[in-house]
Amino acid sequence: MLTRGYGGPLRYVQGPGVLADLGTYAAGLGKKALLLSDAFVDKTYGEALRASLLKAGVETVSTVFGGESTDAEVKRCAELGRGVDVVIGVGGGKTLDTGKIAARDVGARIITVPTIASTDSPTSSIGVIYTAEGVYDRVERCYRNPDVVLVDSQVILRAPVRFLAAGMGDALSTWFEARSNFESRSNNYIADGYAPTIAGAQVARACHETLMRDGRAAYLAAKAGCLTEAVENIIEANTLLSGLGFENCGVSAAHGIHDALTVLEPTHHFFHGEKVAFGIIGLLVLENRDPQEIAEAIRFCADIGLPVRLADLGLGDVSDADLLRVGETAMNPASVIHSVPRTLTARIVADAIRTADALATDLLARQR
């Protein structure tokens, strides 16, 4: 019998207005905090965040995120965080990842406050390092999930709906990639890896079911500026269910293709979840899944404005040589693509990407 492992944040709180409660949660973790925020977030919410911390008696050092979760940015934040009790990351996924890794390096507690629901980073114990140019470098394990994840759904709703849709692209990969890991008997991402638990598998499945049930309605409601139960459900699916699902079950080719696509500069202008959405189709092609399942994924993504064709990612004229370069990058021994329960080569990956594009192009043309 394999040892099983399950992990997640100590507290997850979601609802309209909970941003005002930051000080209460931070005070429970210590007396001094490093507040790391996106520039826009600091301008929009910084004063309110600092006021909440001050009211709760938490001394605060504030800094604005540099824009990329690089080694240099993590080092800068860690230096600022020497001696603090808790690091608070507020903003998008790269800000939160930087905060988590910096907290690990200084031995501080962690609070993540996502202001967009575009990735499943907020709940996890891992962070991604990129180069200054935005090219994927590696994953860093923090061996500890955030102590508190604070999600203000009213703040999420104020962000452009594109962010929510991108989060659904990332979340849609959760069950498909969990299945890959089950079939290849790959370890999850708890500590150095364990077999998945029943709980982790069911969370991943619930993530998929929630997206299929509420995704389209939530997209339209959010686009109209309405905070409905469907929107709340999708915020939870994008953030908590997807975060628990991927960490407790593992990822595979949807993220492997995403990571490899970052070697092509046009993709740098797209969100993580947008590239993952296209990667899902590539994953399903690699595994030769049921055509109806592939079509369902393409339709769902297209309905909420996610990329399903190479042209949608600025790669309409991409050469076979560049796709082979993507395939070669994906075959890096450290790539998550190796969780796919198939024998892979760079050419097989490149051909799957080209085929995914052809299938989506054909399906959308026939729907017109």
Protein backbone atom coordinates (compact mmCIF):
# COMPACT_ATOMS: atom_id res chain seq x y z
CA MET A 1 0.00 0.00 0.00
CA LEU A 2 1.28 3.47 -0.92
CA THR A 3 1.39 6.23 1.67
CA ARG A 4 -1.35 8.78 1.01
CA GLY A 5 -1.08 12.51 1.60
CA TYR A 6 -3.50 15.42 1.70
CA GLY A 7 -2.84 19.10 2.30
CA GLY A 8 -4.51 22.48 2.13
CA PRO A 9 -4.72 25.92 3.72
CA LEU A 10 -5.54 26.26 7.41
CA ARG A 11 -8.38 28.73 6.72
CA TYR A 12 -10.28 29.66 3.54
CA VAL A 13 -12.70 32.60 3.77
CA GLN A 14 -14.70 33.89 0.79
CA GLY A 15 -17.41 36.53 0.51
CA PRO A 16 -18.14 40.17 -0.30
CA GLY A 17 -16.34 42.59 2.01
CA VAL A 18 -13.99 40.14 3.74
CA LEU A 19 -10.97 42.24 2.70
CA ALA A 20 -11.74 44.41 5.73
CA ASP A 21 -11.04 41.40 7.98
CA LEU A 22 -7.37 41.11 6.98
CA GLY A 23 -6.13 42.64 10.23
CA THR A 24 -8.12 40.19 12.35
CA TYR A 25 -6.57 37.18 10.62
CA ALA A 26 -3.06 38.66 10.52
CA ALA A 27 -3.14 39.47 14.25
CA GLY A 28 -3.79 35.82 14.96
CA LEU A 29 -0.48 34.96 13.31
CA GLY A 30 1.84 37.64 14.65
CA LYS A 31 2.57 41.27 15.43
CA LYS A 32 4.60 42.28 12.36
CA ALA A 33 3.78 41.73 8.69
CA LEU A 34 5.24 42.26 5.24
CA LEU A 35 2.48 43.43 2.89
CA LEU A 36 3.34 42.60 -0.74
CA SER A 37 0.86 44.00 -3.26
CA ASP A 38 0.47 44.51 -6.99
CA ALA A 39 0.91 48.17 -7.97
CA PHE A 40 -2.76 48.54 -8.95
CA VAL A 41 -3.89 46.74 -5.80
CA ASP A 42 -1.73 48.96 -3.60
CA LYS A 43 -3.17 52.06 -5.25
CA THR A 44 -6.75 50.82 -5.01
CA TYR A 45 -6.87 48.91 -1.73
CA GLY A 46 -3.53 49.62 0.00
CA GLU A 47 -4.83 52.27 2.36
CA ALA A 48 -7.74 50.09 3.48
CA LEU A 49 -5.47 47.06 3.96
CA ARG A 50 -2.97 49.00 6.07
CA ALA A 51 -5.79 50.53 8.10
CA SER A 52 -7.19 47.08 8.86
CA LEU A 53 -3.75 45.85 9.97
CA LEU A 54 -3.12 48.97 12.06
CA LYS A 55 -6.50 48.65 13.78
CA ALA A 56 -5.61 45.06 14.73
CA GLY A 57 -2.25 46.13 16.15
CA VAL A 58 -0.11 44.63 13.37
CA GLU A 59 3.03 46.60 12.44
CA THR A 60 3.37 46.59 8.66
CA VAL A 61 6.19 46.88 6.14
CA SER A 62 4.74 47.49 2.65
CA THR A 63 6.23 46.91 -0.79
CA VAL A 64 4.96 46.81 -4.37
CA PHE A 65 5.48 43.65 -6.42
CA GLY A 66 8.05 43.98 -9.18
CA GLY A 67 5.98 42.30 -11.89
CA GLU A 68 7.60 38.86 -12.28
CA SER A 69 8.13 36.09 -9.73
CA THR A 70 11.87 35.89 -10.36
CA ASP A 71 14.63 34.72 -8.04
CA ALA A 72 15.71 38.35 -7.68
CA GLU A 73 12.20 39.50 -6.69
CA VAL A 74 11.87 36.70 -4.14
CA LYS A 75 15.26 37.66 -2.67
CA ARG A 76 14.25 41.34 -2.49
CA CYS A 77 11.01 40.52 -0.68
CA ALA A 78 12.74 38.08 1.65
CA GLU A 79 15.22 40.79 2.66
CA LEU A 80 12.33 43.14 3.46
CA GLY A 81 10.64 40.34 5.36
CA ARG A 82 13.48 39.55 7.76
CA GLY A 83 12.01 39.53 11.26
CA VAL A 84 8.33 39.64 10.30
CA ASP A 85 5.85 37.10 11.62
CA VAL A 86 3.69 36.88 8.54
CA VAL A 87 3.97 37.67 4.82
CA ILE A 88 0.74 38.84 3.17
CA GLY A 89 0.55 38.58 -0.62
CA VAL A 90 -2.24 40.59 -2.24
CA GLY A 91 -2.92 40.47 -5.97
CA GLY A 92 -2.44 37.98 -8.81
CA GLY A 93 -0.84 34.56 -8.88
CA LYS A 94 2.75 35.70 -9.39
CA THR A 95 2.50 38.13 -6.46
CA LEU A 96 1.14 35.38 -4.23
CA ASP A 97 3.81 32.91 -5.37
CA THR A 98 6.54 35.43 -4.60
CA GLY A 99 5.04 36.04 -1.18
CA LYS A 100 4.82 32.33 -0.40
CA ILE A 101 8.42 31.61 -1.37
CA ALA A 102 9.72 34.69 0.48
CA ALA A 103 7.76 33.62 3.58
CA ARG A 104 9.35 30.18 3.38
CA ASP A 105 12.81 31.72 3.14
CA VAL A 106 12.35 33.87 6.26
CA GLY A 107 10.33 31.35 8.28
CA ALA A 108 7.17 33.47 8.37
CA ARG A 109 3.49 32.54 8.27
CA ILE A 110 1.56 33.12 5.04
CA ILE A 111 -1.66 34.91 4.09
CA THR A 112 -2.75 35.05 0.47
CA VAL A 113 -5.35 37.57 -0.69
CA PRO A 114 -6.18 37.03 -4.36
CA THR A 115 -7.81 40.03 -6.02
CA ILE A 116 -8.56 38.07 -9.19
CA ALA A 117 -9.82 34.49 -9.58
CA SER A 118 -7.55 33.67 -12.48
CA THR A 119 -5.38 30.89 -11.01
CA ASP A 120 -5.41 28.23 -8.30
CA SER A 121 -2.18 29.51 -6.74
CA PRO A 122 -3.67 31.07 -3.57
CA THR A 123 -4.26 27.82 -1.63
CA SER A 124 -1.16 25.86 -2.62
CA SER A 125 2.21 25.30 -0.98
CA ILE A 126 4.13 25.76 -4.22
CA GLY A 127 5.25 28.79 -6.19
CA VAL A 128 6.44 29.20 -9.76
CA ILE A 129 9.63 31.01 -10.69
CA TYR A 130 9.87 32.78 -14.06
CA THR A 131 12.70 34.62 -15.78
CA ALA A 132 12.59 38.41 -16.01
CA GLU A 133 11.28 37.93 -19.55
CA GLY A 134 8.32 35.86 -18.35
CA VAL A 135 9.62 32.44 -19.41
CA TYR A 136 8.76 29.55 -17.06
CA ASP A 137 11.78 28.40 -15.06
CA ARG A 138 10.75 26.01 -12.28
CA VAL A 139 8.45 25.18 -9.38
CA GLU A 140 9.53 25.86 -5.80
CA ARG A 141 7.98 23.86 -2.95
CA CYS A 142 7.33 25.72 0.28
CA TYR A 143 6.34 22.61 2.31
CA ARG A 144 3.56 24.63 3.89
CA ASN A 145 0.20 25.84 2.66
CA PRO A 146 -1.02 29.36 3.44
CA ASP A 147 -2.35 29.86 6.94
CA VAL A 148 -5.20 32.01 5.62
CA VAL A 149 -6.66 32.49 2.14
CA LEU A 150 -8.91 35.56 2.12
CA VAL A 151 -11.08 35.97 -1.00
CA ASP A 152 -13.26 39.08 -1.30
CA SER A 153 -15.77 38.17 -4.00
CA GLN A 154 -16.78 41.80 -4.50
CA VAL A 155 -13.14 42.65 -5.27
CA ILE A 156 -12.96 39.68 -7.66
CA LEU A 157 -16.08 40.91 -9.44
CA ARG A 158 -14.59 44.36 -10.05
CA ALA A 159 -11.75 42.85 -12.10
CA PRO A 160 -12.24 42.37 -15.86
CA VAL A 161 -14.21 39.18 -16.58
CA ARG A 162 -11.28 37.90 -18.61
CA PHE A 163 -9.55 37.06 -15.32
CA LEU A 164 -12.47 34.92 -14.13
CA ALA A 165 -12.56 33.12 -17.48
CA ALA A 166 -8.82 32.46 -17.29
CA GLY A 167 -9.34 30.98 -13.84
CA MET A 168 -11.93 28.64 -15.31
CA GLY A 169 -9.37 27.56 -17.91
CA ASP A 170 -6.92 26.70 -15.16
CA ALA A 171 -9.64 25.00 -13.10
CA LEU A 172 -10.92 22.99 -16.08
CA SER A 173 -7.57 21.24 -16.21
CA THR A 174 -7.91 19.98 -12.63
CA TRP A 175 -9.95 16.84 -13.18
CA PHE A 176 -8.41 15.98 -16.57
CA GLU A 177 -4.90 16.21 -15.12
CA ALA A 178 -5.89 14.39 -11.92
CA ARG A 179 -7.07 11.51 -14.11
CA SER A 180 -3.71 11.46 -15.89
CA ASN A 181 -1.94 11.13 -12.57
CA PHE A 182 -4.28 8.39 -11.36
CA GLU A 183 -3.66 6.36 -14.51
CA SER A 184 0.11 6.87 -14.47
CA ARG A 185 0.22 6.34 -10.69
CA SER A 186 2.15 9.56 -10.20
CA ASN A 187 2.63 11.20 -6.83
CA ASN A 188 0.85 14.39 -5.82
CA TYR A 189 2.52 17.59 -4.59
CA ILE A 190 2.11 17.20 -0.85
CA ALA A 191 5.63 17.56 0.60
CA ASP A 192 7.81 15.48 -1.73
CA GLY A 193 4.83 13.56 -3.09
CA TYR A 194 2.36 10.92 -1.92
CA ALA A 195 -0.38 8.85 -3.45
CA PRO A 196 -3.63 10.86 -3.73
CA THR A 197 -6.40 10.46 -1.20
CA ILE A 198 -10.08 9.79 -1.94
CA ALA A 199 -10.75 13.29 -0.61
CA GLY A 200 -8.36 14.88 -3.12
CA ALA A 201 -9.89 12.96 -6.01
CA GLN A 202 -13.41 13.97 -5.05
CA VAL A 203 -12.44 17.63 -4.77
CA ALA A 204 -10.96 17.48 -8.29
CA ARG A 205 -14.16 15.89 -9.60
CA ALA A 206 -16.33 18.48 -7.80
CA CYS A 207 -14.28 21.23 -9.44
CA HIS A 208 -15.16 19.88 -12.90
CA GLU A 209 -18.83 19.42 -12.05
CA THR A 210 -19.10 22.98 -10.72
CA LEU A 211 -17.54 24.42 -13.86
CA MET A 212 -19.87 22.47 -16.13
CA ARG A 213 -22.93 23.48 -14.10
CA ASP A 214 -22.21 27.13 -13.31
CA GLY A 215 -19.37 28.28 -15.58
CA ARG A 216 -21.30 29.82 -18.44
CA ALA A 217 -23.89 31.48 -16.17
CA ALA A 218 -21.15 32.87 -13.92
CA TYR A 219 -19.28 34.28 -16.90
CA LEU A 220 -22.36 36.14 -18.16
CA ALA A 221 -23.32 37.36 -14.68
CA ALA A 222 -19.81 38.64 -13.95
CA LYS A 223 -19.68 40.29 -17.35
CA ALA A 224 -22.83 42.19 -16.34
CA GLY A 225 -21.30 43.08 -12.95
CA CYS A 226 -23.65 40.84 -10.97
CA LEU A 227 -22.52 38.81 -7.95
CA THR A 228 -24.71 35.71 -8.12
CA GLU A 229 -24.44 32.32 -6.41
CA ALA A 230 -23.06 30.94 -9.67
CA VAL A 231 -20.28 33.54 -9.57
CA GLU A 232 -19.47 32.67 -5.94
CA ASN A 233 -19.39 28.98 -6.88
CA ILE A 234 -16.98 29.62 -9.74
CA ILE A 235 -14.72 31.79 -7.58
CA GLU A 236 -14.55 28.85 -5.17
CA ALA A 237 -13.97 26.37 -8.00
CA ASN A 238 -11.19 28.49 -9.52
CA THR A 239 -9.49 29.14 -6.20
CA LEU A 240 -10.19 26.45 -3.59
CA LEU A 241 -11.41 23.38 -5.49
CA SER A 242 -8.84 23.73 -8.25
CA GLY A 243 -6.09 24.55 -5.77
CA LEU A 244 -6.82 21.54 -3.57
CA GLY A 245 -7.40 19.37 -6.63
CA PHE A 246 -4.14 20.07 -8.41
CA GLU A 247 -1.97 19.93 -5.30
CA ASN A 248 -3.51 16.73 -3.98
CA CYS A 249 -3.74 14.94 -7.34
CA GLY A 250 -1.07 16.51 -9.57
CA VAL A 251 -0.98 18.20 -12.97
CA SER A 252 0.16 16.89 -16.35
CA ALA A 253 0.21 17.91 -20.00
CA ALA A 254 -2.20 20.86 -19.89
CA HIS A 255 0.34 22.61 -17.67
CA GLY A 256 3.29 20.95 -19.40
CA ILE A 257 2.17 22.42 -22.72
CA HIS A 258 1.52 25.78 -21.02
CA ASP A 259 5.03 25.84 -19.60
CA ALA A 260 6.62 24.90 -22.92
CA LEU A 261 4.59 27.43 -24.90
CA THR A 262 6.24 30.23 -22.91
CA VAL A 263 9.37 29.80 -25.08
CA LEU A 264 7.36 31.49 -27.86
CA GLU A 265 7.15 35.23 -27.20
CA PRO A 266 3.58 35.83 -28.47
CA THR A 267 2.20 33.69 -25.64
CA HIS A 268 3.63 36.06 -23.02
CA HIS A 269 0.68 38.36 -23.66
CA PHE A 270 -1.83 35.77 -22.43
CA PHE A 271 -2.81 34.72 -18.92
CA HIS A 272 -1.73 31.45 -17.33
CA GLY A 273 -5.24 29.97 -17.46
CA GLU A 274 -5.68 30.96 -21.09
CA LYS A 275 -2.62 28.98 -22.13
CA VAL A 276 -3.64 26.09 -19.87
CA ALA A 277 -7.07 26.03 -21.57
CA PHE A 278 -5.42 25.37 -24.92
CA GLY A 279 -3.12 22.88 -23.21
CA ILE A 280 -6.17 20.89 -22.06
CA ILE A 281 -7.10 20.15 -25.65
CA GLY A 282 -3.52 19.06 -26.31
CA LEU A 283 -3.66 16.79 -23.25
CA LEU A 284 -6.89 15.15 -24.41
CA VAL A 285 -5.35 14.58 -27.85
CA LEU A 286 -2.22 13.04 -26.32
CA GLU A 287 -4.39 10.63 -24.34
CA ASN A 288 -6.71 9.97 -27.31
CA ARG A 289 -9.80 10.69 -25.22
CA ASP A 290 -13.39 10.34 -26.38
CA PRO A 291 -14.10 12.84 -29.21
CA GLN A 292 -17.24 13.99 -27.37
CA GLU A 293 -15.15 14.87 -24.30
CA ILE A 294 -12.73 16.84 -26.47
CA ALA A 295 -15.61 18.65 -28.18
CA GLU A 296 -17.21 19.49 -24.82
CA ALA A 297 -13.97 21.04 -23.57
CA ILE A 298 -13.54 23.06 -26.77
CA ARG A 299 -17.11 24.37 -26.66
CA PHE A 300 -16.90 25.31 -22.98
CA CYS A 301 -13.67 27.22 -23.45
CA ALA A 302 -14.90 28.97 -26.60
CA ASP A 303 -18.15 29.99 -24.89
CA ILE A 304 -16.26 31.92 -22.21
CA GLY A 305 -13.68 33.42 -24.54
CA LEU A 306 -10.73 31.14 -23.83
CA PRO A 307 -8.15 30.26 -26.53
CA VAL A 308 -8.80 26.97 -28.29
CA ARG A 309 -6.75 27.54 -31.46
CA LEU A 310 -3.13 28.50 -31.99
CA ALA A 311 -4.30 31.72 -33.63
CA ASP A 312 -6.10 32.60 -30.39
CA LEU A 313 -2.67 32.63 -28.71
CA GLY A 314 -1.02 34.76 -31.38
CA LEU A 315 0.48 31.66 -33.01
CA GLY A 316 -1.61 31.44 -36.17
CA ASP A 317 1.50 31.29 -38.34
CA VAL A 318 3.66 29.21 -36.00
CA SER A 319 6.11 27.00 -37.87
CA ASP A 320 6.57 23.27 -37.42
CA ALA A 321 10.11 24.01 -36.27
CA ASP A 322 8.84 26.28 -33.47
CA LEU A 323 6.25 23.71 -32.38
CA LEU A 324 9.00 21.11 -32.28
CA ARG A 325 10.97 23.50 -30.08
CA VAL A 326 7.93 23.67 -27.77
CA GLY A 327 7.81 19.86 -27.78
CA GLU A 328 11.49 19.64 -26.91
CA THR A 329 11.02 22.07 -24.03
CA ALA A 330 8.05 20.04 -22.79
CA MET A 331 10.23 16.92 -22.67
CA ASN A 332 12.53 18.43 -20.06
CA PRO A 333 12.95 15.69 -17.41
CA ALA A 334 11.49 18.00 -14.75
CA SER A 335 8.37 18.77 -16.79
CA VAL A 336 4.96 17.80 -15.40
CA ILE A 337 4.05 16.44 -18.83
CA HIS A 338 5.58 13.11 -17.84
CA SER A 339 2.53 12.38 -15.70
CA VAL A 340 0.65 11.58 -18.91
CA PRO A 341 0.12 7.78 -19.04
CA ARG A 342 1.61 7.54 -22.53
CA THR A 343 5.06 7.34 -24.07
CA LEU A 344 5.90 10.84 -25.28
CA THR A 345 8.47 12.45 -27.57
CA ALA A 346 8.98 16.04 -28.66
CA ARG A 347 7.42 15.21 -32.02
CA ILE A 348 4.39 13.57 -30.41
CA VAL A 349 3.82 16.68 -28.28
CA ALA A 350 4.24 19.03 -31.27
CA ASP A 351 1.82 16.94 -33.32
CA ALA A 352 -0.72 16.93 -30.48
CA ILE A 353 -0.59 20.73 -30.33
CA ARG A 354 -1.12 21.01 -34.09
CA THR A 355 -3.95 18.46 -33.93
CA ALA A 356 -5.64 20.29 -31.03
CA ASP A 357 -5.63 23.43 -33.17
CA ALA A 358 -7.10 21.55 -36.14
CA LEU A 359 -9.87 19.94 -34.07
CA ALA A 360 -10.93 23.25 -32.51
CA THR A 361 -10.78 25.07 -35.85
CA ASP A 362 -12.95 22.43 -37.49
CA LEU A 363 -15.48 22.29 -34.64
CA LEU A 364 -15.95 26.06 -34.47
CA ALA A 365 -16.27 26.31 -38.26
CA ARG A 366 -19.04 23.68 -38.26
CA GLN A 367 -20.89 25.50 -35.44
CA ARG A 368 -21.24 28.70 -37.46
